[in-house]
Amino acid sequence: MALGDSAGLALLTVLDLLRPDERLAFVLHDVFAVPFAEIAIILGKSADATTMLAGRARRTVQAAQQPASAGRQRRAVVAPR
């Protein structure tokens, strides 16, 4: 499998963690730069609620990108010997 294919599969896996409204707000805003006011109309929500959905989705995506062992590795670097 090519690197691009595996990256695409990883993105799909992460997006699958999101609720449909979060996924829509995240993809439309962060990928396609659609303004929150327009996304709000599509979702039938306020622009503020749509902004919150995208933020929640962004945090979920960022958390999924960090391997679980990252925290242990950071602690090991700063831990006294």
PDB file of N, CA and C in Angstrom:
ATOM      1  N   MET A   1       0.858  -1.178   0.000  1.00  0.00           N
ATOM      2  CA  MET A   1       0.000   0.000   0.000  1.00  0.00           C
ATOM      3  C   MET A   1       0.903   1.240   0.000  1.00  0.00           C
ATOM      4  N   ALA A   2       0.591   2.189  -0.824  1.00  0.00           N
ATOM      5  CA  ALA A   2       1.371   3.418  -0.914  1.00  0.00           C
ATOM      6  C   ALA A   2       1.119   4.295   0.310  1.00  0.00           C
ATOM      7  N   LEU A   3       2.069   5.192   0.588  1.00  0.00           N
ATOM      8  CA  LEU A   3       1.954   6.078   1.747  1.00  0.00           C
ATOM      9  C   LEU A   3       0.682   6.920   1.676  1.00  0.00           C
ATOM     10  N   GLY A   4       0.357   7.430   0.497  1.00  0.00           N
ATOM     11  CA  GLY A   4      -0.858   8.232   0.341  1.00  0.00           C
ATOM     12  C   GLY A   4      -2.110   7.437   0.660  1.00  0.00           C
ATOM     13  N   ASP A   5      -2.130   6.167   0.259  1.00  0.00           N
ATOM     14  CA  ASP A   5      -3.281   5.313   0.557  1.00  0.00           C
ATOM     15  C   ASP A   5      -3.416   5.079   2.051  1.00  0.00           C
ATOM     16  N   SER A   6      -2.295   4.829   2.724  1.00  0.00           N
ATOM     17  CA  SER A   6      -2.364   4.577   4.161  1.00  0.00           C
ATOM     18  C   SER A   6      -2.747   5.845   4.921  1.00  0.00           C
ATOM     19  N   ALA A   7      -2.285   7.009   4.452  1.00  0.00           N
ATOM     20  CA  ALA A   7      -2.669   8.270   5.096  1.00  0.00           C
ATOM     21  C   ALA A   7      -4.161   8.520   4.914  1.00  0.00           C
ATOM     22  N   GLY A   8      -4.661   8.232   3.731  1.00  0.00           N
ATOM     23  CA  GLY A   8      -6.096   8.398   3.475  1.00  0.00           C
ATOM     24  C   GLY A   8      -6.926   7.467   4.333  1.00  0.00           C
ATOM     25  N   LEU A   9      -6.470   6.228   4.487  1.00  0.00           N
ATOM     26  CA  LEU A   9      -7.171   5.265   5.328  1.00  0.00           C
ATOM     27  C   LEU A   9      -7.138   5.702   6.787  1.00  0.00           C
ATOM     28  N   ALA A  10      -5.999   6.236   7.225  1.00  0.00           N
ATOM     29  CA  ALA A  10      -5.886   6.733   8.599  1.00  0.00           C
ATOM     30  C   ALA A  10      -6.854   7.885   8.834  1.00  0.00           C
ATOM     31  N   LEU A  11      -6.956   8.797   7.867  1.00  0.00           N
ATOM     32  CA  LEU A  11      -7.880   9.923   8.007  1.00  0.00           C
ATOM     33  C   LEU A  11      -9.319   9.430   8.080  1.00  0.00           C
ATOM     34  N   LEU A  12      -9.676   8.473   7.246  1.00  0.00           N
ATOM     35  CA  LEU A  12     -11.032   7.929   7.283  1.00  0.00           C
ATOM     36  C   LEU A  12     -11.323   7.263   8.625  1.00  0.00           C
ATOM     37  N   THR A  13     -10.338   6.581   9.166  1.00  0.00           N
ATOM     38  CA  THR A  13     -10.502   5.935  10.464  1.00  0.00           C
ATOM     39  C   THR A  13     -10.737   6.967  11.552  1.00  0.00           C
ATOM     40  N   VAL A  14      -9.975   8.053  11.519  1.00  0.00           N
ATOM     41  CA  VAL A  14     -10.141   9.121  12.510  1.00  0.00           C
ATOM     42  C   VAL A  14     -11.492   9.809  12.331  1.00  0.00           C
ATOM     43  N   LEU A  15     -11.868  10.094  11.093  1.00  0.00           N
ATOM     44  CA  LEU A  15     -13.150  10.751  10.851  1.00  0.00           C
ATOM     45  C   LEU A  15     -14.315   9.885  11.310  1.00  0.00           C
ATOM     46  N   ASP A  16     -14.120   8.582  11.299  1.00  0.00           N
ATOM     47  CA  ASP A  16     -15.167   7.668  11.748  1.00  0.00           C
ATOM     48  C   ASP A  16     -15.438   7.811  13.245  1.00  0.00           C
ATOM     49  N   LEU A  17     -14.486   8.386  13.992  1.00  0.00           N
ATOM     50  CA  LEU A  17     -14.672   8.621  15.426  1.00  0.00           C
ATOM     51  C   LEU A  17     -15.636   9.771  15.695  1.00  0.00           C
ATOM     52  N   LEU A  18     -15.877  10.613  14.699  1.00  0.00           N
ATOM     53  CA  LEU A  18     -16.690  11.817  14.876  1.00  0.00           C
ATOM     54  C   LEU A  18     -18.166  11.526  14.623  1.00  0.00           C
ATOM     55  N   ARG A  19     -19.008  12.281  15.306  1.00  0.00           N
ATOM     56  CA  ARG A  19     -20.442  12.248  15.003  1.00  0.00           C
ATOM     57  C   ARG A  19     -20.638  12.896  13.631  1.00  0.00           C
ATOM     58  N   PRO A  20     -21.719  12.571  12.940  1.00  0.00           N
ATOM     59  CA  PRO A  20     -21.928  13.135  11.597  1.00  0.00           C
ATOM     60  C   PRO A  20     -21.906  14.666  11.551  1.00  0.00           C
ATOM     61  N   ASP A  21     -22.522  15.332  12.543  1.00  0.00           N
ATOM     62  CA  ASP A  21     -22.527  16.797  12.515  1.00  0.00           C
ATOM     63  C   ASP A  21     -21.133  17.364  12.775  1.00  0.00           C
ATOM     64  N   GLU A  22     -20.345  16.697  13.646  1.00  0.00           N
ATOM     65  CA  GLU A  22     -18.971  17.127  13.886  1.00  0.00           C
ATOM     66  C   GLU A  22     -18.126  16.935  12.632  1.00  0.00           C
ATOM     67  N   ARG A  23     -18.308  15.785  11.987  1.00  0.00           N
ATOM     68  CA  ARG A  23     -17.548  15.481  10.773  1.00  0.00           C
ATOM     69  C   ARG A  23     -17.833  16.511   9.688  1.00  0.00           C
ATOM     70  N   LEU A  24     -19.105  16.841   9.517  1.00  0.00           N
ATOM     71  CA  LEU A  24     -19.484  17.811   8.489  1.00  0.00           C
ATOM     72  C   LEU A  24     -18.884  19.181   8.786  1.00  0.00           C
ATOM     73  N   ALA A  25     -19.006  19.641  10.029  1.00  0.00           N
ATOM     74  CA  ALA A  25     -18.464  20.952  10.398  1.00  0.00           C
ATOM     75  C   ALA A  25     -16.953  20.982  10.228  1.00  0.00           C
ATOM     76  N   PHE A  26     -16.278  19.930  10.655  1.00  0.00           N
ATOM     77  CA  PHE A  26     -14.818  19.858  10.561  1.00  0.00           C
ATOM     78  C   PHE A  26     -14.356  19.853   9.108  1.00  0.00           C
ATOM     79  N   VAL A  27     -14.899  18.958   8.317  1.00  0.00           N
ATOM     80  CA  VAL A  27     -14.444  18.826   6.928  1.00  0.00           C
ATOM     81  C   VAL A  27     -14.772  20.082   6.120  1.00  0.00           C
ATOM     82  N   LEU A  28     -15.999  20.573   6.223  1.00  0.00           N
ATOM     83  CA  LEU A  28     -16.348  21.750   5.434  1.00  0.00           C
ATOM     84  C   LEU A  28     -15.518  22.967   5.824  1.00  0.00           C
ATOM     85  N   HIS A  29     -15.300  23.164   7.124  1.00  0.00           N
ATOM     86  CA  HIS A  29     -14.555  24.351   7.539  1.00  0.00           C
ATOM     87  C   HIS A  29     -13.048  24.182   7.383  1.00  0.00           C
ATOM     88  N   ASP A  30     -12.501  23.119   7.953  1.00  0.00           N
ATOM     89  CA  ASP A  30     -11.039  22.973   7.994  1.00  0.00           C
ATOM     90  C   ASP A  30     -10.436  22.514   6.669  1.00  0.00           C
ATOM     91  N   VAL A  31     -11.189  21.776   5.882  1.00  0.00           N
ATOM     92  CA  VAL A  31     -10.658  21.287   4.607  1.00  0.00           C
ATOM     93  C   VAL A  31     -11.052  22.191   3.447  1.00  0.00           C
ATOM     94  N   PHE A  32     -12.319  22.624   3.431  1.00  0.00           N
ATOM     95  CA  PHE A  32     -12.815  23.394   2.293  1.00  0.00           C
ATOM     96  C   PHE A  32     -13.027  24.879   2.587  1.00  0.00           C
ATOM     97  N   ALA A  33     -12.721  25.323   3.803  1.00  0.00           N
ATOM     98  CA  ALA A  33     -12.801  26.734   4.210  1.00  0.00           C
ATOM     99  C   ALA A  33     -14.195  27.343   4.027  1.00  0.00           C
ATOM    100  N   VAL A  34     -15.228  26.532   4.257  1.00  0.00           N
ATOM    101  CA  VAL A  34     -16.595  27.041   4.214  1.00  0.00           C
ATOM    102  C   VAL A  34     -16.833  27.799   5.517  1.00  0.00           C
ATOM    103  N   PRO A  35     -17.376  29.008   5.444  1.00  0.00           N
ATOM    104  CA  PRO A  35     -17.625  29.784   6.673  1.00  0.00           C
ATOM    105  C   PRO A  35     -18.635  29.084   7.595  1.00  0.00           C
ATOM    106  N   PHE A  36     -18.452  29.273   8.900  1.00  0.00           N
ATOM    107  CA  PHE A  36     -19.343  28.649   9.870  1.00  0.00           C
ATOM    108  C   PHE A  36     -20.794  29.055   9.670  1.00  0.00           C
ATOM    109  N   ALA A  37     -21.040  30.274   9.237  1.00  0.00           N
ATOM    110  CA  ALA A  37     -22.424  30.723   9.017  1.00  0.00           C
ATOM    111  C   ALA A  37     -23.114  29.873   7.950  1.00  0.00           C
ATOM    112  N   GLU A  38     -22.390  29.490   6.911  1.00  0.00           N
ATOM    113  CA  GLU A  38     -22.971  28.650   5.856  1.00  0.00           C
ATOM    114  C   GLU A  38     -23.168  27.215   6.343  1.00  0.00           C
ATOM    115  N   ILE A  39     -22.221  26.723   7.121  1.00  0.00           N
ATOM    116  CA  ILE A  39     -22.340  25.367   7.667  1.00  0.00           C
ATOM    117  C   ILE A  39     -23.522  25.303   8.631  1.00  0.00           C
ATOM    118  N   ALA A  40     -23.716  26.370   9.392  1.00  0.00           N
ATOM    119  CA  ALA A  40     -24.825  26.431  10.343  1.00  0.00           C
ATOM    120  C   ALA A  40     -26.164  26.281   9.628  1.00  0.00           C
ATOM    121  N   ILE A  41     -26.293  26.882   8.469  1.00  0.00           N
ATOM    122  CA  ILE A  41     -27.534  26.770   7.691  1.00  0.00           C
ATOM    123  C   ILE A  41     -27.752  25.317   7.273  1.00  0.00           C
ATOM    124  N   ILE A  42     -26.694  24.673   6.812  1.00  0.00           N
ATOM    125  CA  ILE A  42     -26.789  23.276   6.386  1.00  0.00           C
ATOM    126  C   ILE A  42     -27.210  22.378   7.545  1.00  0.00           C
ATOM    127  N   LEU A  43     -26.622  22.617   8.721  1.00  0.00           N
ATOM    128  CA  LEU A  43     -26.901  21.786   9.892  1.00  0.00           C
ATOM    129  C   LEU A  43     -28.168  22.193  10.641  1.00  0.00           C
ATOM    130  N   GLY A  44     -28.678  23.373  10.345  1.00  0.00           N
ATOM    131  CA  GLY A  44     -29.845  23.854  11.075  1.00  0.00           C
ATOM    132  C   GLY A  44     -29.513  24.226  12.508  1.00  0.00           C
ATOM    133  N   LYS A  45     -28.294  24.719  12.720  1.00  0.00           N
ATOM    134  CA  LYS A  45     -27.826  25.120  14.047  1.00  0.00           C
ATOM    135  C   LYS A  45     -27.318  26.555  13.975  1.00  0.00           C
ATOM    136  N   SER A  46     -27.000  27.123  15.123  1.00  0.00           N
ATOM    137  CA  SER A  46     -26.417  28.467  15.135  1.00  0.00           C
ATOM    138  C   SER A  46     -24.959  28.387  14.702  1.00  0.00           C
ATOM    139  N   ALA A  47     -24.412  29.526  14.292  1.00  0.00           N
ATOM    140  CA  ALA A  47     -23.000  29.580  13.907  1.00  0.00           C
ATOM    141  C   ALA A  47     -22.113  29.260  15.103  1.00  0.00           C
ATOM    142  N   ASP A  48     -22.499  29.691  16.301  1.00  0.00           N
ATOM    143  CA  ASP A  48     -21.718  29.387  17.503  1.00  0.00           C
ATOM    144  C   ASP A  48     -21.697  27.890  17.788  1.00  0.00           C
ATOM    145  N   ALA A  49     -22.851  27.236  17.652  1.00  0.00           N
ATOM    146  CA  ALA A  49     -22.916  25.789  17.873  1.00  0.00           C
ATOM    147  C   ALA A  49     -22.069  25.052  16.846  1.00  0.00           C
ATOM    148  N   THR A  50     -22.085  25.537  15.623  1.00  0.00           N
ATOM    149  CA  THR A  50     -21.294  24.921  14.556  1.00  0.00           C
ATOM    150  C   THR A  50     -19.804  25.087  14.818  1.00  0.00           C
ATOM    151  N   THR A  51     -19.410  26.248  15.316  1.00  0.00           N
ATOM    152  CA  THR A  51     -18.013  26.488  15.684  1.00  0.00           C
ATOM    153  C   THR A  51     -17.585  25.518  16.778  1.00  0.00           C
ATOM    154  N   MET A  52     -18.455  25.299  17.757  1.00  0.00           N
ATOM    155  CA  MET A  52     -18.151  24.364  18.837  1.00  0.00           C
ATOM    156  C   MET A  52     -18.032  22.934  18.318  1.00  0.00           C
ATOM    157  N   LEU A  53     -18.891  22.545  17.383  1.00  0.00           N
ATOM    158  CA  LEU A  53     -18.815  21.207  16.793  1.00  0.00           C
ATOM    159  C   LEU A  53     -17.468  20.996  16.101  1.00  0.00           C
ATOM    160  N   ALA A  54     -17.058  21.976  15.325  1.00  0.00           N
ATOM    161  CA  ALA A  54     -15.782  21.870  14.612  1.00  0.00           C
ATOM    162  C   ALA A  54     -14.616  21.809  15.597  1.00  0.00           C
ATOM    163  N   GLY A  55     -14.678  22.591  16.659  1.00  0.00           N
ATOM    164  CA  GLY A  55     -13.619  22.573  17.666  1.00  0.00           C
ATOM    165  C   GLY A  55     -13.525  21.229  18.365  1.00  0.00           C
ATOM    166  N   ARG A  56     -14.682  20.657  18.697  1.00  0.00           N
ATOM    167  CA  ARG A  56     -14.702  19.337  19.336  1.00  0.00           C
ATOM    168  C   ARG A  56     -14.122  18.288  18.384  1.00  0.00           C
ATOM    169  N   ALA A  57     -14.492  18.383  17.121  1.00  0.00           N
ATOM    170  CA  ALA A  57     -13.971  17.446  16.121  1.00  0.00           C
ATOM    171  C   ALA A  57     -12.459  17.604  15.968  1.00  0.00           C
ATOM    172  N   ARG A  58     -11.993  18.837  15.943  1.00  0.00           N
ATOM    173  CA  ARG A  58     -10.564  19.110  15.809  1.00  0.00           C
ATOM    174  C   ARG A  58      -9.775  18.495  16.966  1.00  0.00           C
ATOM    175  N   ARG A  59     -10.305  18.633  18.187  1.00  0.00           N
ATOM    176  CA  ARG A  59      -9.633  18.049  19.352  1.00  0.00           C
ATOM    177  C   ARG A  59      -9.612  16.519  19.269  1.00  0.00           C
ATOM    178  N   THR A  60     -10.688  15.927  18.788  1.00  0.00           N
ATOM    179  CA  THR A  60     -10.745  14.470  18.633  1.00  0.00           C
ATOM    180  C   THR A  60      -9.721  14.002  17.616  1.00  0.00           C
ATOM    181  N   VAL A  61      -9.625  14.710  16.502  1.00  0.00           N
ATOM    182  CA  VAL A  61      -8.667  14.351  15.451  1.00  0.00           C
ATOM    183  C   VAL A  61      -7.242  14.494  15.973  1.00  0.00           C
ATOM    184  N   GLN A  62      -6.958  15.582  16.666  1.00  0.00           N
ATOM    185  CA  GLN A  62      -5.611  15.800  17.200  1.00  0.00           C
ATOM    186  C   GLN A  62      -5.245  14.728  18.227  1.00  0.00           C
ATOM    187  N   ALA A  63      -6.189  14.349  19.069  1.00  0.00           N
ATOM    188  CA  ALA A  63      -5.929  13.314  20.076  1.00  0.00           C
ATOM    189  C   ALA A  63      -5.664  11.969  19.412  1.00  0.00           C
ATOM    190  N   ALA A  64      -6.355  11.686  18.341  1.00  0.00           N
ATOM    191  CA  ALA A  64      -6.179  10.411  17.639  1.00  0.00           C
ATOM    192  C   ALA A  64      -4.842  10.359  16.910  1.00  0.00           C
ATOM    193  N   GLN A  65      -4.271  11.493  16.583  1.00  0.00           N
ATOM    194  CA  GLN A  65      -3.005  11.525  15.861  1.00  0.00           C
ATOM    195  C   GLN A  65      -1.821  11.250  16.774  1.00  0.00           C
ATOM    196  N   GLN A  66      -1.995  11.415  18.080  1.00  0.00           N
ATOM    197  CA  GLN A  66      -0.908  11.182  19.028  1.00  0.00           C
ATOM    198  C   GLN A  66      -0.956   9.735  19.493  1.00  0.00           C
ATOM    199  N   PRO A  67       0.119   8.987  19.322  1.00  0.00           N
ATOM    200  CA  PRO A  67       0.119   7.598  19.804  1.00  0.00           C
ATOM    201  C   PRO A  67      -0.010   7.570  21.323  1.00  0.00           C
ATOM    202  N   ALA A  68      -0.622   6.524  21.827  1.00  0.00           N
ATOM    203  CA  ALA A  68      -0.833   6.395  23.274  1.00  0.00           C
ATOM    204  C   ALA A  68       0.485   6.400  24.037  1.00  0.00           C
ATOM    205  N   SER A  69       1.538   5.940  23.421  1.00  0.00           N
ATOM    206  CA  SER A  69       2.822   5.873  24.109  1.00  0.00           C
ATOM    207  C   SER A  69       3.538   7.215  24.167  1.00  0.00           C
ATOM    208  N   ALA A  70       3.027   8.239  23.497  1.00  0.00           N
ATOM    209  CA  ALA A  70       3.711   9.540  23.460  1.00  0.00           C
ATOM    210  C   ALA A  70       3.887  10.127  24.857  1.00  0.00           C
ATOM    211  N   GLY A  71       2.889  10.008  25.708  1.00  0.00           N
ATOM    212  CA  GLY A  71       2.991  10.542  27.067  1.00  0.00           C
ATOM    213  C   GLY A  71       4.051   9.828  27.875  1.00  0.00           C
ATOM    214  N   ARG A  72       4.115   8.508  27.749  1.00  0.00           N
ATOM    215  CA  ARG A  72       5.137   7.744  28.468  1.00  0.00           C
ATOM    216  C   ARG A  72       6.530   8.120  27.990  1.00  0.00           C
ATOM    217  N   GLN A  73       6.677   8.314  26.686  1.00  0.00           N
ATOM    218  CA  GLN A  73       7.983   8.673  26.144  1.00  0.00           C
ATOM    219  C   GLN A  73       8.420  10.034  26.654  1.00  0.00           C
ATOM    220  N   ARG A  74       7.499  10.994  26.717  1.00  0.00           N
ATOM    221  CA  ARG A  74       7.849  12.320  27.223  1.00  0.00           C
ATOM    222  C   ARG A  74       8.246  12.253  28.688  1.00  0.00           C
ATOM    223  N   ARG A  75       7.500  11.482  29.480  1.00  0.00           N
ATOM    224  CA  ARG A  75       7.835  11.338  30.895  1.00  0.00           C
ATOM    225  C   ARG A  75       9.189  10.690  31.069  1.00  0.00           C
ATOM    226  N   ALA A  76       9.515   9.709  30.241  1.00  0.00           N
ATOM    227  CA  ALA A  76      10.808   9.027  30.343  1.00  0.00           C
ATOM    228  C   ALA A  76      11.960   9.972  30.070  1.00  0.00           C
ATOM    229  N   VAL A  77      11.751  10.943  29.203  1.00  0.00           N
ATOM    230  CA  VAL A  77      12.814  11.894  28.869  1.00  0.00           C
ATOM    231  C   VAL A  77      13.129  12.802  30.047  1.00  0.00           C
ATOM    232  N   VAL A  78      12.114  13.208  30.781  1.00  0.00           N
ATOM    233  CA  VAL A  78      12.322  14.161  31.877  1.00  0.00           C
ATOM    234  C   VAL A  78      12.416  13.507  33.256  1.00  0.00           C
ATOM    235  N   ALA A  79      12.189  12.194  33.326  1.00  0.00           N
ATOM    236  CA  ALA A  79      12.220  11.521  34.616  1.00  0.00           C
ATOM    237  C   ALA A  79      13.652  11.417  35.127  1.00  0.00           C
ATOM    238  N   PRO A  80      13.850  11.620  36.450  1.00  0.00           N
ATOM    239  CA  PRO A  80      15.202  11.468  37.021  1.00  0.00           C
ATOM    240  C   PRO A  80      15.619  10.001  36.963  1.00  0.00           C
ATOM    241  N   ARG A  81      16.890   9.797  36.828  1.00  0.00           N
ATOM    242  CA  ARG A  81      17.416   8.421  36.764  1.00  0.00           C
ATOM    243  C   ARG A  81      17.954   8.002  38.078  1.00  0.00           C
TER     244      ARG A  81
END
